[in-house]
Amino acid sequence: MTINRIKTLTFKHVKATDKEQLIPDGGNLYIRVRPITQGGAISFRFFYRIDGKQKWLTLKSAELPAARAERDTYKELIKQGKDPSLERTLELERTKQQQVKEQEAIAKLSARITVRDLFVNWCETDLIARKDINEITRMFEKDVLPDLEDLFVEDVRKGHVSLLIGKLKKRGVNHLARNILKLIRQMFRFAVTYDLIEFDPTASLSIAKMTTKPTERDRTLSESEIRALARQMPDAHLLISTECAVWIALSTMCRIGELSKAKFSDLDFELKTWTIPKENSKNGKAHTVYLSDFALEQFKVLTSYASNNIWLFPNRGGSSHVSEKSITKQLGSRQTENILSCHSKDNKALVLTGGKWTPHDLRRTGATIMGDLGIAPDVTEKCLNHTEENKVKRIYQRQKLEMEQAQAWQVLGDRLYLLVKIDNSNVVLLHNKTS
């Protein structure tokens, strides 16, 4: 404020000098005039006593009427036992904190992402190395994102997820509902970990109560069922490759996903081996299968019908391997009461007395037969390419038991040959129960 401005208010004769001036206005309010050397600036100061101490406070007001009103406000604070200087400092701090909160809120709003954005981020960060990323993407695109993709992540509530899972249950796909709920939970926990949201909206949802309790399959095919399977398969109108896949899965105890991805380059007919590369195996470890004569014969039949020089089980276009679920679906469609099946005339062609069976049950069946034939459990585990659960054994017992594995597969193959050959009426069955 200039001296000329002060003159128009009250102090007509105020002039800046070589020294600082404090001009009383009454009520402990003073007009402070800076020396000419400091520009002659004018401000207002309030003098007060509190807790036995004398204090000065420069006021915020720039004009005298406002300065008087500000002084009166501070006097009221003093009557309440409050220090005006401290109160003003606290007010400034509160204002700063409020500004910080507002800035954080603005930043948070600008950083909001949708469920679709979160899914993409999750895929690119956490799922990039997962072998089932394509299958997860397919499930989300079909059954999750159509309902949730446009919601902001922090706006998702457990009710949204409950409704989605409810729709799946109404379709009768409880197992799919269970898997999807587990995946949605993984995605939201990823969001919590990366501070995209504060809490997981699925945290209080019980997977068992929302979907179904997990069941552990223990189905194995009896030897009489294996013989029946050999009789029934030719009339089931399966692809030749699928028939070979059944016998290969049973005689090598491989996972059907590993077999679906097999390449010609993985086979060595001279050494009688099939190598499952680490990127195809469930535990991420390469696995060499020493082929029995029975398994080798199936691979030779498979290669003789091959329509592709890279993949043993090519997709329709030949650009990659067949879907991991293709073989499972073909076998399942021959064990159903569904008259609308695309293979309705063959829908019961592979029904066995022990109930519905899957390719993974063949893996379990092969291991069971090995045990019945006296193969040591640790050798069978090696053939299955299981990871040793005991940490000490896993670290110190690294023997591969290659010769023992080769012999075990040959013993299994010889047994299967006896069971499935045309004249097997004289074969004594090792176990004829179904489970």
Protein backbone atom coordinates (compact mmCIF):
# COMPACT_ATOMS: atom_id res chain seq x y z
CA MET A 1 0.00 0.00 0.00
CA THR A 2 1.35 3.42 -0.91
CA ILE A 3 1.47 6.45 1.36
CA ASN A 4 -0.95 8.25 -0.97
CA ARG A 5 -3.48 5.39 -0.41
CA ILE A 6 -3.14 5.76 3.40
CA LYS A 7 -3.75 9.52 3.13
CA THR A 8 -7.10 8.95 1.49
CA LEU A 9 -8.11 6.71 4.39
CA THR A 10 -7.13 8.53 7.64
CA PHE A 11 -3.50 9.55 7.96
CA LYS A 12 -3.17 12.61 5.78
CA HIS A 13 0.26 13.54 7.05
CA VAL A 14 1.98 10.08 7.04
CA LYS A 15 5.26 10.26 5.20
CA ALA A 16 8.12 7.80 4.93
CA THR A 17 11.33 8.91 6.59
CA ASP A 18 14.80 7.49 7.05
CA LYS A 19 13.53 5.41 9.95
CA GLU A 20 10.76 2.87 10.43
CA GLN A 21 7.59 4.31 11.99
CA LEU A 22 4.87 2.68 14.12
CA ILE A 23 1.78 4.89 14.21
CA PRO A 24 -0.92 3.86 16.74
CA ASP A 25 -4.53 3.55 15.55
CA GLY A 26 -5.92 2.47 18.91
CA GLY A 27 -6.83 -0.89 20.30
CA ASN A 28 -3.21 -2.12 19.94
CA LEU A 29 -3.31 -1.67 16.15
CA TYR A 30 -0.34 0.08 14.55
CA ILE A 31 0.44 1.34 11.07
CA ARG A 32 3.96 0.34 10.18
CA VAL A 33 5.81 2.60 7.70
CA ARG A 34 9.07 1.28 6.31
CA PRO A 35 12.02 3.66 5.77
CA ILE A 36 12.47 5.38 2.42
CA THR A 37 15.45 3.10 1.77
CA GLN A 38 13.05 0.12 1.88
CA GLY A 39 10.47 1.77 -0.38
CA GLY A 40 8.28 3.27 2.32
CA ALA A 41 5.93 0.25 2.31
CA ILE A 42 3.02 0.32 4.76
CA SER A 43 1.56 -2.61 6.70
CA PHE A 44 -0.49 -3.16 9.85
CA ARG A 45 0.69 -4.76 13.07
CA PHE A 46 -1.18 -5.96 16.15
CA PHE A 47 0.34 -5.93 19.59
CA TYR A 48 -1.00 -8.31 22.29
CA ARG A 49 -0.11 -10.18 25.47
CA ILE A 50 -0.82 -13.87 26.14
CA ASP A 51 0.51 -16.22 28.80
CA GLY A 52 2.53 -13.32 30.21
CA LYS A 53 4.35 -12.75 26.92
CA GLN A 54 4.30 -9.71 24.63
CA LYS A 55 3.89 -10.46 20.94
CA TRP A 56 3.59 -8.65 17.62
CA LEU A 57 1.63 -10.02 14.66
CA THR A 58 1.75 -8.57 11.16
CA LEU A 59 -1.78 -8.56 9.79
CA LYS A 60 -2.84 -9.92 6.40
CA SER A 61 -5.10 -6.98 5.62
CA ALA A 62 -3.91 -4.29 3.21
CA GLU A 63 -6.40 -1.56 4.12
CA LEU A 64 -7.16 0.04 7.45
CA PRO A 65 -10.86 -0.95 7.85
CA ALA A 66 -10.02 -4.56 7.12
CA ALA A 67 -7.03 -4.37 9.49
CA ARG A 68 -9.29 -3.16 12.30
CA ALA A 69 -11.73 -6.01 11.68
CA GLU A 70 -8.87 -8.53 11.66
CA ARG A 71 -7.57 -7.08 14.94
CA ASP A 72 -10.99 -7.48 16.54
CA THR A 73 -11.08 -11.13 15.45
CA TYR A 74 -7.74 -11.76 17.12
CA LYS A 75 -8.90 -10.08 20.31
CA GLU A 76 -11.78 -12.54 20.49
CA LEU A 77 -9.29 -15.42 20.14
CA ILE A 78 -7.23 -14.01 23.02
CA LYS A 79 -10.35 -13.91 25.20
CA GLN A 80 -10.74 -17.65 24.45
CA GLY A 81 -7.15 -18.26 25.55
CA LYS A 82 -5.91 -18.81 22.00
CA ASP A 83 -2.73 -17.31 20.59
CA PRO A 84 -3.59 -15.50 17.31
CA SER A 85 -0.12 -16.16 15.89
CA LEU A 86 -0.39 -19.92 16.58
CA GLU A 87 -3.96 -20.04 15.30
CA ARG A 88 -2.93 -18.40 12.05
CA THR A 89 -0.05 -20.87 11.66
CA LEU A 90 -2.45 -23.76 12.24
CA GLU A 91 -4.88 -22.28 9.73
CA LEU A 92 -2.14 -22.07 7.14
CA GLU A 93 -1.20 -25.69 7.82
CA ARG A 94 -4.81 -26.80 7.52
CA THR A 95 -5.11 -24.94 4.24
CA LYS A 96 -1.96 -26.63 2.93
CA GLN A 97 -3.24 -30.05 3.97
CA GLN A 98 -6.57 -29.39 2.30
CA GLN A 99 -4.78 -28.34 -0.87
CA VAL A 100 -2.69 -31.53 -0.79
CA LYS A 101 -5.84 -33.63 -0.35
CA GLU A 102 -7.51 -31.85 -3.24
CA GLN A 103 -4.45 -32.38 -5.44
CA GLU A 104 -4.35 -36.07 -4.47
CA ALA A 105 -8.04 -36.40 -5.26
CA ILE A 106 -7.52 -34.77 -8.64
CA ALA A 107 -4.55 -37.06 -9.35
CA LYS A 108 -6.56 -40.08 -8.26
CA LEU A 109 -9.43 -39.14 -10.55
CA SER A 110 -7.10 -38.64 -13.49
CA ALA A 111 -5.49 -42.03 -12.78
CA ARG A 112 -8.76 -43.97 -12.63
CA ILE A 113 -8.77 -47.03 -14.83
CA THR A 114 -11.53 -49.32 -16.00
CA VAL A 115 -11.72 -53.06 -15.44
CA ARG A 116 -10.73 -53.50 -19.09
CA ASP A 117 -7.60 -51.39 -18.47
CA LEU A 118 -6.82 -53.42 -15.36
CA PHE A 119 -7.19 -56.70 -17.23
CA VAL A 120 -4.79 -55.56 -19.96
CA ASN A 121 -2.30 -54.35 -17.34
CA TRP A 122 -2.59 -57.64 -15.44
CA CYS A 123 -2.01 -59.66 -18.59
CA GLU A 124 1.03 -57.63 -19.61
CA THR A 125 2.55 -57.73 -16.12
CA ASP A 126 1.62 -60.90 -14.23
CA LEU A 127 0.25 -63.25 -16.88
CA ILE A 128 2.78 -62.67 -19.62
CA ALA A 129 4.71 -65.85 -18.77
CA ARG A 130 1.70 -68.04 -18.01
CA LYS A 131 1.04 -70.83 -20.47
CA ASP A 132 -2.73 -70.48 -20.13
CA ILE A 133 -2.83 -66.74 -20.89
CA ASN A 134 -4.75 -67.34 -24.13
CA GLU A 135 -7.35 -69.44 -22.34
CA ILE A 136 -7.69 -66.83 -19.56
CA THR A 137 -8.12 -64.10 -22.16
CA ARG A 138 -10.80 -66.13 -23.92
CA MET A 139 -12.72 -66.68 -20.66
CA PHE A 140 -12.58 -63.00 -19.68
CA GLU A 141 -13.60 -61.77 -23.12
CA LYS A 142 -16.59 -64.13 -23.12
CA ASP A 143 -17.80 -64.18 -19.53
CA VAL A 144 -16.29 -61.29 -17.52
CA LEU A 145 -15.51 -58.17 -19.51
CA PRO A 146 -18.93 -57.83 -21.18
CA ASP A 147 -20.36 -57.16 -17.68
CA LEU A 148 -17.50 -55.31 -15.99
CA GLU A 149 -15.18 -53.75 -18.57
CA ASP A 150 -16.59 -50.18 -18.44
CA LEU A 151 -16.68 -49.94 -14.63
CA PHE A 152 -13.90 -48.03 -12.90
CA VAL A 153 -11.91 -50.49 -10.82
CA GLU A 154 -12.54 -48.71 -7.52
CA ASP A 155 -16.28 -48.72 -8.23
CA VAL A 156 -16.50 -52.50 -8.49
CA ARG A 157 -18.29 -54.06 -5.53
CA LYS A 158 -18.71 -57.68 -4.56
CA GLY A 159 -22.29 -57.44 -5.76
CA HIS A 160 -21.08 -56.95 -9.34
CA VAL A 161 -18.94 -60.08 -9.10
CA SER A 162 -21.71 -62.06 -7.37
CA LEU A 163 -24.15 -61.29 -10.18
CA LEU A 164 -21.60 -62.34 -12.78
CA ILE A 165 -20.90 -65.65 -11.03
CA GLY A 166 -24.63 -66.18 -10.60
CA LYS A 167 -25.15 -65.94 -14.36
CA LEU A 168 -22.52 -68.64 -14.90
CA LYS A 169 -24.15 -70.92 -12.32
CA LYS A 170 -27.51 -70.52 -14.06
CA ARG A 171 -25.82 -71.78 -17.20
CA GLY A 172 -24.81 -74.88 -15.25
CA VAL A 173 -21.07 -74.26 -15.61
CA ASN A 174 -20.12 -74.37 -11.94
CA HIS A 175 -16.55 -75.46 -12.58
CA LEU A 176 -16.05 -72.55 -14.98
CA ALA A 177 -17.64 -70.20 -12.43
CA ARG A 178 -15.16 -71.40 -9.81
CA ASN A 179 -12.16 -70.85 -12.08
CA ILE A 180 -13.35 -67.42 -13.17
CA LEU A 181 -13.94 -66.27 -9.59
CA LYS A 182 -10.42 -67.39 -8.67
CA LEU A 183 -9.00 -65.48 -11.65
CA ILE A 184 -11.01 -62.33 -10.87
CA ARG A 185 -9.67 -62.47 -7.32
CA GLN A 186 -6.10 -62.77 -8.64
CA MET A 187 -6.66 -59.74 -10.86
CA PHE A 188 -8.01 -57.56 -8.03
CA ARG A 189 -5.21 -58.65 -5.68
CA PHE A 190 -2.81 -57.54 -8.41
CA ALA A 191 -4.59 -54.16 -8.38
CA VAL A 192 -4.19 -53.90 -4.58
CA THR A 193 -0.50 -54.84 -4.78
CA TYR A 194 0.15 -52.09 -7.32
CA ASP A 195 -1.91 -49.57 -5.31
CA LEU A 196 -4.54 -49.19 -8.03
CA ILE A 197 -7.27 -49.81 -5.45
CA GLU A 198 -7.31 -49.93 -1.65
CA PHE A 199 -9.20 -53.18 -1.17
CA ASP A 200 -10.15 -56.32 -3.07
CA PRO A 201 -13.94 -56.37 -3.65
CA THR A 202 -13.88 -60.18 -3.83
CA ALA A 203 -12.04 -60.64 -0.52
CA SER A 204 -15.15 -61.60 1.42
CA LEU A 205 -16.57 -63.90 -1.27
CA SER A 206 -16.17 -67.59 -0.45
CA ILE A 207 -15.20 -69.51 -3.56
CA ALA A 208 -16.64 -72.74 -2.15
CA LYS A 209 -19.97 -71.11 -1.20
CA MET A 210 -20.23 -69.01 -4.35
CA THR A 211 -19.45 -71.84 -6.76
CA THR A 212 -18.72 -75.41 -5.75
CA LYS A 213 -16.22 -77.23 -3.60
CA PRO A 214 -13.21 -78.60 -5.49
CA THR A 215 -13.27 -82.28 -6.26
CA GLU A 216 -10.23 -84.43 -6.75
CA ARG A 217 -10.68 -87.01 -9.47
CA ASP A 218 -9.42 -90.52 -8.85
CA ARG A 219 -10.91 -92.21 -11.91
CA THR A 220 -8.78 -94.94 -13.45
CA LEU A 221 -9.73 -97.30 -16.23
CA SER A 222 -9.70 -100.98 -15.35
CA GLU A 223 -7.98 -103.37 -17.72
CA SER A 224 -11.36 -104.70 -18.87
CA GLU A 225 -12.33 -101.10 -19.72
CA ILE A 226 -9.12 -100.65 -21.67
CA ARG A 227 -10.00 -103.75 -23.69
CA ALA A 228 -13.53 -102.40 -24.21
CA LEU A 229 -12.08 -99.06 -25.31
CA ALA A 230 -10.00 -100.81 -27.95
CA ARG A 231 -13.15 -102.46 -29.32
CA GLN A 232 -15.29 -99.31 -29.21
CA MET A 233 -12.95 -96.67 -30.57
CA PRO A 234 -12.97 -97.76 -34.23
CA ASP A 235 -16.74 -97.22 -34.33
CA ALA A 236 -16.67 -93.84 -32.56
CA HIS A 237 -15.74 -91.98 -35.77
CA LEU A 238 -12.83 -90.18 -34.14
CA LEU A 239 -9.99 -88.60 -36.06
CA ILE A 240 -7.10 -91.01 -36.50
CA SER A 241 -4.96 -88.51 -34.62
CA THR A 242 -7.35 -88.58 -31.66
CA GLU A 243 -7.27 -92.38 -31.52
CA CYS A 244 -3.47 -92.25 -31.49
CA ALA A 245 -3.59 -89.55 -28.80
CA VAL A 246 -5.60 -91.85 -26.50
CA TRP A 247 -3.07 -94.68 -26.72
CA ILE A 248 -0.08 -92.33 -26.50
CA ALA A 249 -1.51 -90.62 -23.41
CA LEU A 250 -2.11 -94.00 -21.80
CA SER A 251 1.26 -95.51 -22.69
CA THR A 252 3.45 -92.46 -21.96
CA MET A 253 1.35 -90.96 -19.10
CA CYS A 254 1.78 -87.53 -20.62
CA ARG A 255 -0.56 -84.61 -20.12
CA ILE A 256 -2.87 -84.04 -23.05
CA GLY A 257 -1.75 -80.41 -23.32
CA GLU A 258 1.85 -81.55 -23.71
CA LEU A 259 0.83 -83.95 -26.46
CA SER A 260 -1.30 -81.35 -28.27
CA LYS A 261 1.77 -79.12 -28.66
CA ALA A 262 4.13 -81.87 -29.86
CA LYS A 263 6.26 -81.22 -32.96
CA PHE A 264 7.95 -83.60 -35.37
CA SER A 265 11.26 -82.20 -34.19
CA ASP A 266 10.53 -83.46 -30.67
CA LEU A 267 10.57 -87.09 -31.88
CA ASP A 268 13.60 -89.28 -32.48
CA PHE A 269 12.53 -92.65 -33.92
CA GLU A 270 16.08 -94.00 -33.89
CA LEU A 271 16.60 -93.30 -30.20
CA LYS A 272 12.93 -94.06 -29.52
CA THR A 273 12.40 -90.83 -27.56
CA TRP A 274 9.91 -88.02 -27.39
CA THR A 275 11.19 -84.83 -25.76
CA ILE A 276 8.66 -82.54 -24.12
CA PRO A 277 10.33 -79.08 -24.06
CA LYS A 278 10.23 -77.11 -20.84
CA GLU A 279 7.88 -74.50 -22.32
CA ASN A 280 5.28 -77.24 -22.84
CA SER A 281 5.60 -79.07 -19.53
CA LYS A 282 3.53 -78.14 -16.50
CA ASN A 283 6.48 -77.84 -14.11
CA GLY A 284 8.64 -75.94 -16.59
CA LYS A 285 11.19 -78.76 -16.86
CA ALA A 286 12.05 -80.58 -20.08
CA HIS A 287 11.04 -84.24 -20.01
CA THR A 288 12.31 -87.14 -22.10
CA VAL A 289 9.89 -90.00 -22.69
CA TYR A 290 11.54 -93.30 -23.64
CA LEU A 291 9.01 -94.78 -26.04
CA SER A 292 7.90 -98.38 -25.66
CA ASP A 293 7.28 -100.36 -28.82
CA PHE A 294 3.56 -99.80 -28.25
CA ALA A 295 3.92 -96.00 -27.98
CA LEU A 296 6.37 -95.84 -30.87
CA GLU A 297 3.90 -97.62 -33.11
CA GLN A 298 1.21 -95.04 -32.27
CA PHE A 299 3.55 -92.17 -33.09
CA LYS A 300 4.39 -93.78 -36.43
CA VAL A 301 0.71 -94.14 -37.28
CA LEU A 302 0.21 -90.50 -36.27
CA THR A 303 3.05 -89.24 -38.45
CA SER A 304 1.87 -91.27 -41.43
CA TYR A 305 -1.45 -89.39 -41.38
CA ALA A 306 0.08 -86.02 -40.60
CA SER A 307 -1.06 -83.10 -42.74
CA ASN A 308 1.60 -80.76 -41.41
CA ASN A 309 5.38 -81.02 -41.31
CA ILE A 310 5.74 -79.13 -38.04
CA TRP A 311 2.88 -80.05 -35.70
CA LEU A 312 1.75 -83.59 -34.91
CA PHE A 313 -1.67 -82.18 -34.02
CA PRO A 314 -2.08 -79.09 -36.24
CA ASN A 315 -5.04 -76.75 -36.13
CA ARG A 316 -7.29 -76.44 -39.15
CA GLY A 317 -5.17 -73.82 -40.82
CA GLY A 318 -1.93 -75.59 -39.95
CA SER A 319 -0.52 -72.39 -38.48
CA SER A 320 -0.12 -73.82 -34.96
CA HIS A 321 -1.03 -76.78 -32.79
CA VAL A 322 -4.60 -77.79 -32.09
CA SER A 323 -6.39 -76.34 -29.06
CA GLU A 324 -5.41 -78.09 -25.83
CA LYS A 325 -9.10 -78.86 -25.24
CA SER A 326 -9.82 -80.25 -28.69
CA ILE A 327 -9.00 -83.88 -27.89
CA THR A 328 -10.80 -83.71 -24.54
CA LYS A 329 -13.93 -82.33 -26.23
CA GLN A 330 -13.90 -85.03 -28.90
CA LEU A 331 -13.72 -87.78 -26.28
CA GLY A 332 -16.28 -86.10 -24.03
CA SER A 333 -18.81 -85.74 -26.87
CA ARG A 334 -18.79 -89.56 -27.22
CA GLN A 335 -19.79 -89.98 -23.56
CA THR A 336 -22.89 -87.81 -23.28
CA GLU A 337 -26.67 -88.03 -23.25
CA ASN A 338 -26.86 -84.78 -25.20
CA ILE A 339 -28.79 -85.58 -28.36
CA LEU A 340 -27.92 -82.14 -29.74
CA SER A 341 -24.24 -83.01 -29.87
CA CYS A 342 -22.66 -82.44 -33.25
CA HIS A 343 -21.82 -86.16 -33.17
CA SER A 344 -25.20 -87.21 -31.80
CA LYS A 345 -25.11 -90.63 -33.42
CA ASP A 346 -21.82 -91.34 -31.65
CA ASN A 347 -22.64 -89.62 -28.38
CA LYS A 348 -22.41 -92.87 -26.39
CA ALA A 349 -19.72 -94.59 -28.43
CA LEU A 350 -17.02 -94.34 -25.76
CA VAL A 351 -19.12 -94.86 -22.64
CA LEU A 352 -17.39 -97.29 -20.26
CA THR A 353 -18.75 -99.19 -17.27
CA GLY A 354 -16.76 -97.17 -14.75
CA GLY A 355 -18.31 -93.86 -15.80
CA LYS A 356 -17.09 -90.84 -17.69
CA TRP A 357 -13.36 -90.64 -18.30
CA THR A 358 -10.99 -87.93 -19.50
CA PRO A 359 -7.52 -87.86 -21.07
CA HIS A 360 -6.04 -87.04 -17.66
CA ASP A 361 -7.59 -90.24 -16.28
CA LEU A 362 -5.47 -92.11 -18.85
CA ARG A 363 -2.35 -90.60 -17.28
CA ARG A 364 -3.50 -91.79 -13.86
CA THR A 365 -4.40 -95.20 -15.29
CA GLY A 366 -0.94 -95.69 -16.79
CA ALA A 367 0.68 -94.87 -13.45
CA THR A 368 -1.65 -97.32 -11.68
CA ILE A 369 -0.79 -100.13 -14.09
CA MET A 370 2.90 -99.43 -13.55
CA GLY A 371 2.37 -99.86 -9.82
CA ASP A 372 0.46 -103.10 -10.37
CA LEU A 373 3.36 -104.36 -12.48
CA GLY A 374 5.82 -103.74 -9.65
CA ILE A 375 7.45 -100.52 -10.88
CA ALA A 376 8.99 -98.58 -7.98
CA PRO A 377 7.01 -95.45 -7.02
CA ASP A 378 9.99 -93.13 -7.43
CA VAL A 379 10.50 -94.39 -10.99
CA THR A 380 6.82 -93.88 -11.78
CA GLU A 381 7.07 -90.33 -10.41
CA LYS A 382 10.00 -89.67 -12.73
CA CYS A 383 7.98 -91.02 -15.66
CA LEU A 384 5.14 -88.66 -14.71
CA ASN A 385 7.61 -85.74 -14.56
CA HIS A 386 6.34 -84.79 -11.12
CA THR A 387 8.32 -82.30 -9.05
CA GLU A 388 9.61 -83.88 -5.84
CA GLU A 389 7.65 -82.37 -2.94
CA ASN A 390 10.28 -83.19 -0.33
CA LYS A 391 12.78 -80.33 -0.39
CA VAL A 392 15.72 -82.42 0.84
CA LYS A 393 15.13 -85.09 -1.79
CA ARG A 394 14.62 -82.43 -4.45
CA ILE A 395 17.99 -80.86 -3.66
CA TYR A 396 20.16 -83.89 -3.01
CA GLN A 397 18.60 -86.76 -4.92
CA ARG A 398 19.02 -85.63 -8.49
CA GLN A 399 19.43 -89.01 -10.18
CA LYS A 400 17.32 -89.26 -13.34
CA LEU A 401 16.82 -93.04 -13.30
CA GLU A 402 16.79 -92.98 -17.11
CA MET A 403 17.32 -96.72 -17.59
CA GLU A 404 14.68 -97.50 -14.98
CA GLN A 405 12.24 -95.12 -16.67
CA ALA A 406 12.83 -96.67 -20.08
CA GLN A 407 12.23 -100.12 -18.66
CA ALA A 408 9.07 -98.96 -16.85
CA TRP A 409 7.58 -97.50 -20.03
CA GLN A 410 8.42 -100.67 -21.92
CA VAL A 411 6.74 -102.83 -19.27
CA LEU A 412 3.65 -100.62 -19.46
CA GLY A 413 3.64 -100.72 -23.26
CA ASP A 414 3.97 -104.51 -23.32
CA ARG A 415 1.00 -104.81 -20.98
CA LEU A 416 -1.12 -102.50 -23.10
CA TYR A 417 -0.20 -104.45 -26.21
CA LEU A 418 -1.52 -107.62 -24.60
CA LEU A 419 -4.74 -105.87 -23.59
CA VAL A 420 -5.65 -104.19 -26.88
CA LYS A 421 -4.51 -106.74 -29.49
CA ILE A 422 -7.27 -108.62 -31.26
CA ASP A 423 -6.81 -111.99 -29.56
CA ASN A 424 -6.58 -111.15 -25.86
CA SER A 425 -9.00 -113.65 -24.41
CA ASN A 426 -6.24 -115.51 -22.59
CA VAL A 427 -4.78 -112.44 -20.88
CA VAL A 428 -5.18 -112.55 -17.09
CA LEU A 429 -6.30 -109.13 -15.88
CA LEU A 430 -4.19 -107.55 -13.14
CA HIS A 431 -7.10 -105.50 -11.79
CA ASN A 432 -10.63 -105.45 -13.09
CA LYS A 433 -12.28 -102.97 -10.77
CA THR A 434 -13.50 -99.58 -11.80
CA SER A 435 -13.05 -96.47 -9.73
